[in-house]
Amino acid sequence: MRRLGSVQRKMPCVFVTEVKEEPSTKREHQVPRCAAPWSGRSGAAGRYRAALQPFKVLATETISHKALDADIYSAIPTEKVDGTCCYITNYKGQPYLWARLDRKPNKLAEKRFKNFLHSKQNSKGWVPVEKNNKQYCWHSSVVNYEFEVALVLKHHPDDPGLLEISAVPLSDLLEQTLELIGTNINGNPYGLGSKKHPLHLLIPHGAFQIRNLPTLKHNDLLSWFEGCREGKIEGIVWHCNDGCLIKVHRHHLGLCWPIPDTYMNSKPVIINMNLNKYDHAFDTKSLFNLLSKIDNQKFARLRDIILDV
């Protein structure tokens, strides 16, 4: 199979979109119960709701020119995973994990961003994830730089219906973008672990291909998202032959996300974490070591994985 595209910028929607002047329902259910109404009251919950997107971007029934120019009909459809976008490339002489840095558009952020663009550490808008960088310290739990391995979630090579958590060499992930999912990321839509037993995993973009997608029509896709078990996902990303990526999100079709039971969490998962091949011991509190204690165990769902800390 050809190598799939890499996410380096915002992806266009497969349909022509239109803006509707009403508050978005994106992640609305994650607002605390004490949240003030949209019209606004003081407090953290009210500020959270006020920060929600004040408009909706909805798909029309017309396929976009960008999608047609990229030959969308011969593209590979994959599941759009809800997480933090990451990137692995060489840094300081070794493979390194980078995180996409998002900032609100204000003058201070703009000044810092311009300085960053002209710095020697800049790598196409990505920020290196240092182990001691408190802002991104939770990223370091999925990568061990001493052994140059990462915790990856993907399909089991011998059973497409089974997910597998394994340690993958960083060299196998070079120049790829991935989604980081976990307990404290984007509201944890996949129900991983808990605050007491946090779990974070990397998923290469395009890892979960969609096999039985309906025709590329607005109503057919809407029915698929609403009534099909495979449709219980955040969205679809088409990987086109020219490297272009085209997407559709549930919100484009007026549907909610997150949802209670995702397709990813309907699949069984097995732990493949035999660390005996490494010369030295992993840190006893690392995810690698904790997962090695349940090596070769199978769970009905991702959310059923409990780590003994």
C-alpha atoms as a PDB file:
ATOM      1  CA  MET A   1       0.000   0.000   0.000  1.00  0.00           C
ATOM      2  CA  ARG A   2       1.214   3.488  -0.769  1.00  0.00           C
ATOM      3  CA  ARG A   3       2.331   5.724   2.074  1.00  0.00           C
ATOM      4  CA  LEU A   4      -0.504   7.911   3.268  1.00  0.00           C
ATOM      5  CA  GLY A   5      -0.399  11.690   3.461  1.00  0.00           C
ATOM      6  CA  SER A   6       1.006  13.676   6.372  1.00  0.00           C
ATOM      7  CA  VAL A   7      -1.011  16.332   8.198  1.00  0.00           C
ATOM      8  CA  GLN A   8       0.920  19.617   8.057  1.00  0.00           C
ATOM      9  CA  ARG A   9      -1.937  22.129   7.820  1.00  0.00           C
ATOM     10  CA  LYS A  10      -5.689  22.434   8.184  1.00  0.00           C
ATOM     11  CA  MET A  11      -7.539  20.059   5.864  1.00  0.00           C
ATOM     12  CA  PRO A  12     -10.330  21.323   3.576  1.00  0.00           C
ATOM     13  CA  CYS A  13     -13.802  19.828   3.753  1.00  0.00           C
ATOM     14  CA  VAL A  14     -14.900  17.445   1.017  1.00  0.00           C
ATOM     15  CA  PHE A  15     -18.021  19.580   0.528  1.00  0.00           C
ATOM     16  CA  VAL A  16     -18.430  23.268  -0.093  1.00  0.00           C
ATOM     17  CA  THR A  17     -19.263  24.771   3.307  1.00  0.00           C
ATOM     18  CA  GLU A  18     -21.393  27.644   4.509  1.00  0.00           C
ATOM     19  CA  VAL A  19     -21.336  29.554   7.790  1.00  0.00           C
ATOM     20  CA  LYS A  20     -24.439  29.655   9.961  1.00  0.00           C
ATOM     21  CA  GLU A  21     -24.589  32.419  12.565  1.00  0.00           C
ATOM     22  CA  GLU A  22     -25.445  30.415  15.657  1.00  0.00           C
ATOM     23  CA  PRO A  23     -23.305  28.905  18.445  1.00  0.00           C
ATOM     24  CA  SER A  24     -21.514  25.680  17.642  1.00  0.00           C
ATOM     25  CA  THR A  25     -22.361  22.586  19.677  1.00  0.00           C
ATOM     26  CA  LYS A  26     -18.762  21.390  19.450  1.00  0.00           C
ATOM     27  CA  ARG A  27     -17.863  19.762  22.787  1.00  0.00           C
ATOM     28  CA  GLU A  28     -20.841  21.482  24.359  1.00  0.00           C
ATOM     29  CA  HIS A  29     -21.583  18.541  26.628  1.00  0.00           C
ATOM     30  CA  GLN A  30     -18.123  18.912  28.180  1.00  0.00           C
ATOM     31  CA  VAL A  31     -19.038  22.290  29.699  1.00  0.00           C
ATOM     32  CA  PRO A  32     -19.420  21.897  33.505  1.00  0.00           C
ATOM     33  CA  ARG A  33     -22.980  21.588  34.745  1.00  0.00           C
ATOM     34  CA  CYS A  34     -22.619  24.868  36.611  1.00  0.00           C
ATOM     35  CA  ALA A  35     -21.883  26.630  33.316  1.00  0.00           C
ATOM     36  CA  ALA A  36     -23.630  29.895  32.678  1.00  0.00           C
ATOM     37  CA  PRO A  37     -25.897  30.248  29.623  1.00  0.00           C
ATOM     38  CA  TRP A  38     -24.431  31.365  26.307  1.00  0.00           C
ATOM     39  CA  SER A  39     -25.525  34.937  26.925  1.00  0.00           C
ATOM     40  CA  GLY A  40     -22.968  34.939  29.681  1.00  0.00           C
ATOM     41  CA  ARG A  41     -22.384  35.093  33.391  1.00  0.00           C
ATOM     42  CA  SER A  42     -19.159  35.247  35.343  1.00  0.00           C
ATOM     43  CA  GLY A  43     -17.059  32.304  36.458  1.00  0.00           C
ATOM     44  CA  ALA A  44     -14.803  29.737  34.776  1.00  0.00           C
ATOM     45  CA  ALA A  45     -17.712  27.761  33.360  1.00  0.00           C
ATOM     46  CA  GLY A  46     -19.264  30.873  31.847  1.00  0.00           C
ATOM     47  CA  ARG A  47     -15.940  31.891  30.310  1.00  0.00           C
ATOM     48  CA  TYR A  48     -15.567  28.379  28.884  1.00  0.00           C
ATOM     49  CA  ARG A  49     -18.950  28.540  27.202  1.00  0.00           C
ATOM     50  CA  ALA A  50     -18.315  32.060  25.963  1.00  0.00           C
ATOM     51  CA  ALA A  51     -15.127  30.815  24.339  1.00  0.00           C
ATOM     52  CA  LEU A  52     -16.993  28.206  22.303  1.00  0.00           C
ATOM     53  CA  GLN A  53     -17.193  28.820  18.583  1.00  0.00           C
ATOM     54  CA  PRO A  54     -20.032  31.339  18.010  1.00  0.00           C
ATOM     55  CA  PHE A  55     -20.912  29.972  14.564  1.00  0.00           C
ATOM     56  CA  LYS A  56     -21.401  26.707  12.711  1.00  0.00           C
ATOM     57  CA  VAL A  57     -19.626  25.611   9.540  1.00  0.00           C
ATOM     58  CA  LEU A  58     -21.986  23.287   7.690  1.00  0.00           C
ATOM     59  CA  ALA A  59     -21.510  21.236   4.545  1.00  0.00           C
ATOM     60  CA  THR A  60     -23.658  21.824   1.477  1.00  0.00           C
ATOM     61  CA  GLU A  61     -24.435  19.021  -0.968  1.00  0.00           C
ATOM     62  CA  THR A  62     -21.780  20.233  -3.440  1.00  0.00           C
ATOM     63  CA  ILE A  63     -18.398  18.507  -3.552  1.00  0.00           C
ATOM     64  CA  SER A  64     -15.584  21.063  -3.360  1.00  0.00           C
ATOM     65  CA  HIS A  65     -13.236  21.836  -6.269  1.00  0.00           C
ATOM     66  CA  LYS A  66     -10.239  20.940  -4.081  1.00  0.00           C
ATOM     67  CA  ALA A  67     -11.673  17.466  -3.531  1.00  0.00           C
ATOM     68  CA  LEU A  68     -12.404  16.964  -7.221  1.00  0.00           C
ATOM     69  CA  ASP A  69      -8.960  18.265  -8.264  1.00  0.00           C
ATOM     70  CA  ALA A  70      -7.367  15.775  -5.850  1.00  0.00           C
ATOM     71  CA  ASP A  71      -9.360  12.898  -7.408  1.00  0.00           C
ATOM     72  CA  ILE A  72     -11.334  12.230  -4.242  1.00  0.00           C
ATOM     73  CA  TYR A  73     -13.081   9.218  -5.778  1.00  0.00           C
ATOM     74  CA  SER A  74      -9.835   7.201  -5.867  1.00  0.00           C
ATOM     75  CA  ALA A  75      -8.650   8.345  -2.424  1.00  0.00           C
ATOM     76  CA  ILE A  76      -8.278   6.113   0.641  1.00  0.00           C
ATOM     77  CA  PRO A  77     -10.862   6.935   3.350  1.00  0.00           C
ATOM     78  CA  THR A  78      -9.637   6.672   6.954  1.00  0.00           C
ATOM     79  CA  GLU A  79     -11.003   7.426  10.400  1.00  0.00           C
ATOM     80  CA  LYS A  80     -10.376  10.942  11.675  1.00  0.00           C
ATOM     81  CA  VAL A  81      -9.021  10.499  15.209  1.00  0.00           C
ATOM     82  CA  ASP A  82      -9.678  13.118  17.892  1.00  0.00           C
ATOM     83  CA  GLY A  83      -6.413  13.993  19.628  1.00  0.00           C
ATOM     84  CA  THR A  84      -3.388  16.275  19.634  1.00  0.00           C
ATOM     85  CA  CYS A  85      -1.504  16.361  16.344  1.00  0.00           C
ATOM     86  CA  CYS A  86       2.144  15.269  16.703  1.00  0.00           C
ATOM     87  CA  TYR A  87       5.087  14.768  14.378  1.00  0.00           C
ATOM     88  CA  ILE A  88       8.271  12.688  14.570  1.00  0.00           C
ATOM     89  CA  THR A  89      11.479  13.855  12.919  1.00  0.00           C
ATOM     90  CA  ASN A  90      15.184  14.037  13.718  1.00  0.00           C
ATOM     91  CA  TYR A  91      16.132  16.649  16.317  1.00  0.00           C
ATOM     92  CA  LYS A  92      19.462  17.039  18.128  1.00  0.00           C
ATOM     93  CA  GLY A  93      20.753  13.951  16.342  1.00  0.00           C
ATOM     94  CA  GLN A  94      17.920  11.597  17.259  1.00  0.00           C
ATOM     95  CA  PRO A  95      14.259  10.954  16.403  1.00  0.00           C
ATOM     96  CA  TYR A  96      12.055  13.332  18.385  1.00  0.00           C
ATOM     97  CA  LEU A  97       8.385  13.909  19.064  1.00  0.00           C
ATOM     98  CA  TRP A  98       6.970  17.342  18.227  1.00  0.00           C
ATOM     99  CA  ALA A  99       3.585  18.788  19.148  1.00  0.00           C
ATOM    100  CA  ARG A 100       1.603  21.308  17.145  1.00  0.00           C
ATOM    101  CA  LEU A 101       1.502  24.562  19.092  1.00  0.00           C
ATOM    102  CA  ASP A 102      -1.861  26.334  18.954  1.00  0.00           C
ATOM    103  CA  ARG A 103      -2.244  29.844  20.321  1.00  0.00           C
ATOM    104  CA  LYS A 104      -5.052  32.403  20.399  1.00  0.00           C
ATOM    105  CA  PRO A 105      -4.446  35.193  17.854  1.00  0.00           C
ATOM    106  CA  ASN A 106      -3.288  38.146  19.990  1.00  0.00           C
ATOM    107  CA  LYS A 107      -0.367  40.555  19.649  1.00  0.00           C
ATOM    108  CA  LEU A 108       1.896  38.772  22.123  1.00  0.00           C
ATOM    109  CA  ALA A 109       1.286  35.395  20.499  1.00  0.00           C
ATOM    110  CA  GLU A 110       1.939  36.885  17.059  1.00  0.00           C
ATOM    111  CA  LYS A 111       5.260  38.370  18.227  1.00  0.00           C
ATOM    112  CA  ARG A 112       6.379  35.088  19.781  1.00  0.00           C
ATOM    113  CA  PHE A 113       5.336  33.176  16.683  1.00  0.00           C
ATOM    114  CA  LYS A 114       7.359  35.469  14.395  1.00  0.00           C
ATOM    115  CA  ASN A 115      10.411  35.038  16.633  1.00  0.00           C
ATOM    116  CA  PHE A 116       9.874  31.291  16.560  1.00  0.00           C
ATOM    117  CA  LEU A 117       9.678  31.207  12.766  1.00  0.00           C
ATOM    118  CA  HIS A 118      13.109  32.876  12.559  1.00  0.00           C
ATOM    119  CA  SER A 119      14.695  30.686  15.225  1.00  0.00           C
ATOM    120  CA  LYS A 120      16.948  27.728  14.494  1.00  0.00           C
ATOM    121  CA  GLN A 121      14.618  25.398  16.399  1.00  0.00           C
ATOM    122  CA  ASN A 122      11.727  25.955  14.040  1.00  0.00           C
ATOM    123  CA  SER A 123      10.545  22.879  12.140  1.00  0.00           C
ATOM    124  CA  LYS A 124       7.540  23.810  10.015  1.00  0.00           C
ATOM    125  CA  GLY A 125       5.461  25.110  12.915  1.00  0.00           C
ATOM    126  CA  TRP A 126       6.052  22.226  15.315  1.00  0.00           C
ATOM    127  CA  VAL A 127       7.308  22.515  18.901  1.00  0.00           C
ATOM    128  CA  PRO A 128       9.851  20.012  20.295  1.00  0.00           C
ATOM    129  CA  VAL A 129       8.518  18.109  23.290  1.00  0.00           C
ATOM    130  CA  GLU A 130      11.204  18.200  25.969  1.00  0.00           C
ATOM    131  CA  LYS A 131      10.905  15.846  28.930  1.00  0.00           C
ATOM    132  CA  ASN A 132      11.238  18.773  31.334  1.00  0.00           C
ATOM    133  CA  ASN A 133       8.922  21.077  29.404  1.00  0.00           C
ATOM    134  CA  LYS A 134       6.005  21.306  31.839  1.00  0.00           C
ATOM    135  CA  GLN A 135       3.626  22.538  29.174  1.00  0.00           C
ATOM    136  CA  TYR A 136       3.962  19.303  27.233  1.00  0.00           C
ATOM    137  CA  CYS A 137       5.192  16.955  29.951  1.00  0.00           C
ATOM    138  CA  TRP A 138       2.283  14.563  29.408  1.00  0.00           C
ATOM    139  CA  HIS A 139       3.553  13.892  25.883  1.00  0.00           C
ATOM    140  CA  SER A 140       6.773  12.388  27.249  1.00  0.00           C
ATOM    141  CA  SER A 141       4.852   9.434  28.695  1.00  0.00           C
ATOM    142  CA  VAL A 142       4.354   7.963  25.200  1.00  0.00           C
ATOM    143  CA  VAL A 143       7.984   8.238  24.076  1.00  0.00           C
ATOM    144  CA  ASN A 144      11.138   6.842  25.657  1.00  0.00           C
ATOM    145  CA  TYR A 145      14.125   8.627  24.149  1.00  0.00           C
ATOM    146  CA  GLU A 146      16.703   6.378  25.807  1.00  0.00           C
ATOM    147  CA  PHE A 147      15.418   3.371  23.876  1.00  0.00           C
ATOM    148  CA  GLU A 148      13.887   5.416  21.017  1.00  0.00           C
ATOM    149  CA  VAL A 149      10.461   3.784  21.170  1.00  0.00           C
ATOM    150  CA  ALA A 150       6.879   5.077  21.247  1.00  0.00           C
ATOM    151  CA  LEU A 151       3.590   3.668  22.509  1.00  0.00           C
ATOM    152  CA  VAL A 152       1.388   3.124  19.451  1.00  0.00           C
ATOM    153  CA  LEU A 153      -2.187   1.973  19.009  1.00  0.00           C
ATOM    154  CA  LYS A 154      -2.962   0.247  15.706  1.00  0.00           C
ATOM    155  CA  HIS A 155      -4.671  -2.795  14.217  1.00  0.00           C
ATOM    156  CA  HIS A 156      -3.201  -6.176  15.092  1.00  0.00           C
ATOM    157  CA  PRO A 157      -1.235  -7.373  12.025  1.00  0.00           C
ATOM    158  CA  ASP A 158      -3.027 -10.753  11.962  1.00  0.00           C
ATOM    159  CA  ASP A 159      -6.520  -9.650  12.989  1.00  0.00           C
ATOM    160  CA  PRO A 160      -8.056  -6.409  11.611  1.00  0.00           C
ATOM    161  CA  GLY A 161     -10.848  -6.615  14.193  1.00  0.00           C
ATOM    162  CA  LEU A 162      -8.364  -6.470  17.063  1.00  0.00           C
ATOM    163  CA  LEU A 163      -6.470  -3.396  18.252  1.00  0.00           C
ATOM    164  CA  GLU A 164      -2.936  -3.645  19.586  1.00  0.00           C
ATOM    165  CA  ILE A 165      -0.882  -1.448  21.932  1.00  0.00           C
ATOM    166  CA  SER A 166       2.813  -1.947  21.302  1.00  0.00           C
ATOM    167  CA  ALA A 167       6.225  -0.297  21.538  1.00  0.00           C
ATOM    168  CA  VAL A 168       7.256   0.889  18.059  1.00  0.00           C
ATOM    169  CA  PRO A 169      10.775   2.134  17.146  1.00  0.00           C
ATOM    170  CA  LEU A 170      10.806   5.873  16.506  1.00  0.00           C
ATOM    171  CA  SER A 171      12.768   5.176  13.328  1.00  0.00           C
ATOM    172  CA  ASP A 172       9.644   3.464  11.929  1.00  0.00           C
ATOM    173  CA  LEU A 173       7.630   6.634  12.540  1.00  0.00           C
ATOM    174  CA  LEU A 174      10.029   9.206  11.094  1.00  0.00           C
ATOM    175  CA  GLU A 175       8.495  12.044   9.055  1.00  0.00           C
ATOM    176  CA  GLN A 176       5.002  10.923  10.000  1.00  0.00           C
ATOM    177  CA  THR A 177       2.222  12.775  11.767  1.00  0.00           C
ATOM    178  CA  LEU A 178       0.220  11.076  14.477  1.00  0.00           C
ATOM    179  CA  GLU A 179      -2.643  11.787  16.828  1.00  0.00           C
ATOM    180  CA  LEU A 180      -1.978  11.641  20.550  1.00  0.00           C
ATOM    181  CA  ILE A 181      -5.051  10.424  22.431  1.00  0.00           C
ATOM    182  CA  GLY A 182      -5.305  10.133  26.172  1.00  0.00           C
ATOM    183  CA  THR A 183      -6.955  10.739  29.488  1.00  0.00           C
ATOM    184  CA  ASN A 184      -6.584  14.530  29.585  1.00  0.00           C
ATOM    185  CA  ILE A 185      -6.766  15.305  25.859  1.00  0.00           C
ATOM    186  CA  ASN A 186      -9.762  16.965  24.166  1.00  0.00           C
ATOM    187  CA  GLY A 187     -12.102  15.773  26.885  1.00  0.00           C
ATOM    188  CA  ASN A 188     -10.927  12.155  26.494  1.00  0.00           C
ATOM    189  CA  PRO A 189     -13.553  11.082  23.908  1.00  0.00           C
ATOM    190  CA  TYR A 190     -12.279   7.468  23.895  1.00  0.00           C
ATOM    191  CA  GLY A 191     -12.637   6.930  27.661  1.00  0.00           C
ATOM    192  CA  LEU A 192      -8.997   5.988  28.329  1.00  0.00           C
ATOM    193  CA  GLY A 193      -8.145   5.241  31.939  1.00  0.00           C
ATOM    194  CA  SER A 194      -8.732   7.883  34.625  1.00  0.00           C
ATOM    195  CA  LYS A 195      -6.934  10.721  36.405  1.00  0.00           C
ATOM    196  CA  LYS A 196      -5.573   8.119  38.820  1.00  0.00           C
ATOM    197  CA  HIS A 197      -4.554   5.748  36.016  1.00  0.00           C
ATOM    198  CA  PRO A 198      -3.848   7.974  32.962  1.00  0.00           C
ATOM    199  CA  LEU A 199      -3.167   6.373  29.594  1.00  0.00           C
ATOM    200  CA  HIS A 200      -1.790   8.090  26.469  1.00  0.00           C
ATOM    201  CA  LEU A 201      -1.220   6.522  23.060  1.00  0.00           C
ATOM    202  CA  LEU A 202      -0.072   7.567  19.582  1.00  0.00           C
ATOM    203  CA  ILE A 203      -2.035   6.672  16.434  1.00  0.00           C
ATOM    204  CA  PRO A 204      -0.377   7.182  13.014  1.00  0.00           C
ATOM    205  CA  HIS A 205      -2.581   9.209  10.669  1.00  0.00           C
ATOM    206  CA  GLY A 206      -4.471   6.921   8.325  1.00  0.00           C
ATOM    207  CA  ALA A 207      -3.971   3.866  10.534  1.00  0.00           C
ATOM    208  CA  PHE A 208      -7.689   3.017  10.614  1.00  0.00           C
ATOM    209  CA  GLN A 209      -8.966   2.637   7.068  1.00  0.00           C
ATOM    210  CA  ILE A 210     -12.706   2.630   6.373  1.00  0.00           C
ATOM    211  CA  ARG A 211     -13.725  -0.356   4.264  1.00  0.00           C
ATOM    212  CA  ASN A 212     -17.453   0.053   3.615  1.00  0.00           C
ATOM    213  CA  LEU A 213     -18.009   3.754   3.071  1.00  0.00           C
ATOM    214  CA  PRO A 214     -21.172   4.729   1.157  1.00  0.00           C
ATOM    215  CA  THR A 215     -21.253   6.879  -1.951  1.00  0.00           C
ATOM    216  CA  LEU A 216     -19.862  10.401  -1.653  1.00  0.00           C
ATOM    217  CA  LYS A 217     -23.202  12.122  -1.159  1.00  0.00           C
ATOM    218  CA  HIS A 218     -24.277  14.347   1.699  1.00  0.00           C
ATOM    219  CA  ASN A 219     -27.350  12.340   2.707  1.00  0.00           C
ATOM    220  CA  ASP A 220     -25.602   8.967   2.363  1.00  0.00           C
ATOM    221  CA  LEU A 221     -22.730  10.060   4.597  1.00  0.00           C
ATOM    222  CA  LEU A 222     -25.187  11.538   7.101  1.00  0.00           C
ATOM    223  CA  SER A 223     -27.071   8.218   7.269  1.00  0.00           C
ATOM    224  CA  TRP A 224     -23.774   6.340   7.633  1.00  0.00           C
ATOM    225  CA  PHE A 225     -22.643   8.478  10.574  1.00  0.00           C
ATOM    226  CA  GLU A 226     -26.045   8.223  12.268  1.00  0.00           C
ATOM    227  CA  GLY A 227     -26.989   4.592  11.704  1.00  0.00           C
ATOM    228  CA  CYS A 228     -23.822   2.557  11.159  1.00  0.00           C
ATOM    229  CA  ARG A 229     -21.565   1.180  13.893  1.00  0.00           C
ATOM    230  CA  GLU A 230     -18.483   2.084  11.814  1.00  0.00           C
ATOM    231  CA  GLY A 231     -19.868   5.610  11.611  1.00  0.00           C
ATOM    232  CA  LYS A 232     -19.409   6.267  15.335  1.00  0.00           C
ATOM    233  CA  ILE A 233     -16.235   8.261  14.665  1.00  0.00           C
ATOM    234  CA  GLU A 234     -15.221  11.924  14.693  1.00  0.00           C
ATOM    235  CA  GLY A 235     -14.989  12.161  10.929  1.00  0.00           C
ATOM    236  CA  ILE A 236     -13.369  10.907   7.729  1.00  0.00           C
ATOM    237  CA  VAL A 237     -10.013  11.837   6.177  1.00  0.00           C
ATOM    238  CA  TRP A 238      -9.443  10.946   2.525  1.00  0.00           C
ATOM    239  CA  HIS A 239      -5.790  10.375   1.554  1.00  0.00           C
ATOM    240  CA  CYS A 240      -5.518  11.341  -2.115  1.00  0.00           C
ATOM    241  CA  ASN A 241      -2.958  10.109  -4.659  1.00  0.00           C
ATOM    242  CA  ASP A 242      -1.227  13.484  -4.841  1.00  0.00           C
ATOM    243  CA  GLY A 243      -0.731  13.607  -1.058  1.00  0.00           C
ATOM    244  CA  CYS A 244      -3.650  15.961  -0.488  1.00  0.00           C
ATOM    245  CA  LEU A 245      -5.851  15.310   2.545  1.00  0.00           C
ATOM    246  CA  ILE A 246      -9.589  16.025   2.480  1.00  0.00           C
ATOM    247  CA  LYS A 247     -11.909  15.651   5.465  1.00  0.00           C
ATOM    248  CA  VAL A 248     -15.468  15.754   6.681  1.00  0.00           C
ATOM    249  CA  HIS A 249     -16.291  16.173  10.361  1.00  0.00           C
ATOM    250  CA  ARG A 250     -19.532  15.148  12.038  1.00  0.00           C
ATOM    251  CA  HIS A 251     -20.104  18.841  12.762  1.00  0.00           C
ATOM    252  CA  HIS A 252     -20.108  19.577   9.022  1.00  0.00           C
ATOM    253  CA  LEU A 253     -23.239  17.433   8.828  1.00  0.00           C
ATOM    254  CA  GLY A 254     -24.852  18.948  11.929  1.00  0.00           C
ATOM    255  CA  LEU A 255     -24.003  15.961  14.135  1.00  0.00           C
ATOM    256  CA  CYS A 256     -22.547  15.988  17.640  1.00  0.00           C
ATOM    257  CA  TRP A 257     -19.080  15.017  18.806  1.00  0.00           C
ATOM    258  CA  PRO A 258     -17.952  13.546  21.149  1.00  0.00           C
ATOM    259  CA  ILE A 259     -20.445  10.695  21.405  1.00  0.00           C
ATOM    260  CA  PRO A 260     -20.885   8.128  24.214  1.00  0.00           C
ATOM    261  CA  ASP A 261     -19.773   4.932  22.451  1.00  0.00           C
ATOM    262  CA  THR A 262     -17.169   5.365  19.726  1.00  0.00           C
ATOM    263  CA  TYR A 263     -16.352   2.733  17.132  1.00  0.00           C
ATOM    264  CA  MET A 264     -12.759   2.624  18.374  1.00  0.00           C
ATOM    265  CA  ASN A 265     -13.993   1.638  21.816  1.00  0.00           C
ATOM    266  CA  SER A 266     -16.138  -1.178  20.451  1.00  0.00           C
ATOM    267  CA  LYS A 267     -13.124  -3.233  19.442  1.00  0.00           C
ATOM    268  CA  PRO A 268     -11.092  -5.587  21.661  1.00  0.00           C
ATOM    269  CA  VAL A 269      -7.479  -4.639  22.322  1.00  0.00           C
ATOM    270  CA  ILE A 270      -4.395  -6.699  23.183  1.00  0.00           C
ATOM    271  CA  ILE A 271      -1.221  -5.528  24.949  1.00  0.00           C
ATOM    272  CA  ASN A 272       2.071  -6.354  23.194  1.00  0.00           C
ATOM    273  CA  MET A 273       4.687  -4.986  25.557  1.00  0.00           C
ATOM    274  CA  ASN A 274       7.536  -7.460  26.026  1.00  0.00           C
ATOM    275  CA  LEU A 275      10.452  -5.281  27.145  1.00  0.00           C
ATOM    276  CA  ASN A 276      12.950  -8.114  27.704  1.00  0.00           C
ATOM    277  CA  LYS A 277      14.680  -7.308  24.401  1.00  0.00           C
ATOM    278  CA  TYR A 278      16.014  -4.037  25.833  1.00  0.00           C
ATOM    279  CA  ASP A 279      19.300  -4.028  27.734  1.00  0.00           C
ATOM    280  CA  HIS A 280      18.242  -1.759  30.600  1.00  0.00           C
ATOM    281  CA  ALA A 281      15.094  -1.466  32.671  1.00  0.00           C
ATOM    282  CA  PHE A 282      12.435   1.128  31.951  1.00  0.00           C
ATOM    283  CA  ASP A 283      11.410   3.513  34.699  1.00  0.00           C
ATOM    284  CA  THR A 284       9.068   1.677  37.074  1.00  0.00           C
ATOM    285  CA  LYS A 285       6.411   4.412  36.789  1.00  0.00           C
ATOM    286  CA  SER A 286       6.542   4.700  32.983  1.00  0.00           C
ATOM    287  CA  LEU A 287       3.634   3.589  30.823  1.00  0.00           C
ATOM    288  CA  PHE A 288       5.954   1.114  29.103  1.00  0.00           C
ATOM    289  CA  ASN A 289       6.700  -0.646  32.387  1.00  0.00           C
ATOM    290  CA  LEU A 290       3.098  -0.541  33.596  1.00  0.00           C
ATOM    291  CA  LEU A 291       1.818  -2.006  30.330  1.00  0.00           C
ATOM    292  CA  SER A 292       4.505  -4.704  30.413  1.00  0.00           C
ATOM    293  CA  LYS A 293       2.858  -6.027  33.589  1.00  0.00           C
ATOM    294  CA  ILE A 294      -0.240  -6.872  31.552  1.00  0.00           C
ATOM    295  CA  ASP A 295       1.658  -8.042  28.447  1.00  0.00           C
ATOM    296  CA  ASN A 296      -0.348 -10.329  26.152  1.00  0.00           C
ATOM    297  CA  GLN A 297      -3.588  -9.615  28.010  1.00  0.00           C
ATOM    298  CA  LYS A 298      -6.723  -8.950  25.980  1.00  0.00           C
ATOM    299  CA  PHE A 299      -9.428  -6.450  26.897  1.00  0.00           C
ATOM    300  CA  ALA A 300     -12.940  -6.017  25.517  1.00  0.00           C
ATOM    301  CA  ARG A 301     -12.460  -2.231  25.108  1.00  0.00           C
ATOM    302  CA  LEU A 302      -9.779   0.425  25.502  1.00  0.00           C
ATOM    303  CA  ARG A 303     -11.575   1.890  28.509  1.00  0.00           C
ATOM    304  CA  ASP A 304     -11.335  -1.477  30.274  1.00  0.00           C
ATOM    305  CA  ILE A 305      -7.539  -1.209  30.551  1.00  0.00           C
ATOM    306  CA  ILE A 306      -6.619  -0.544  34.196  1.00  0.00           C
ATOM    307  CA  LEU A 307      -3.008   0.227  35.082  1.00  0.00           C
ATOM    308  CA  ASP A 308      -1.591  -0.884  38.441  1.00  0.00           C
ATOM    309  CA  VAL A 309       0.447   2.149  39.488  1.00  0.00           C
END
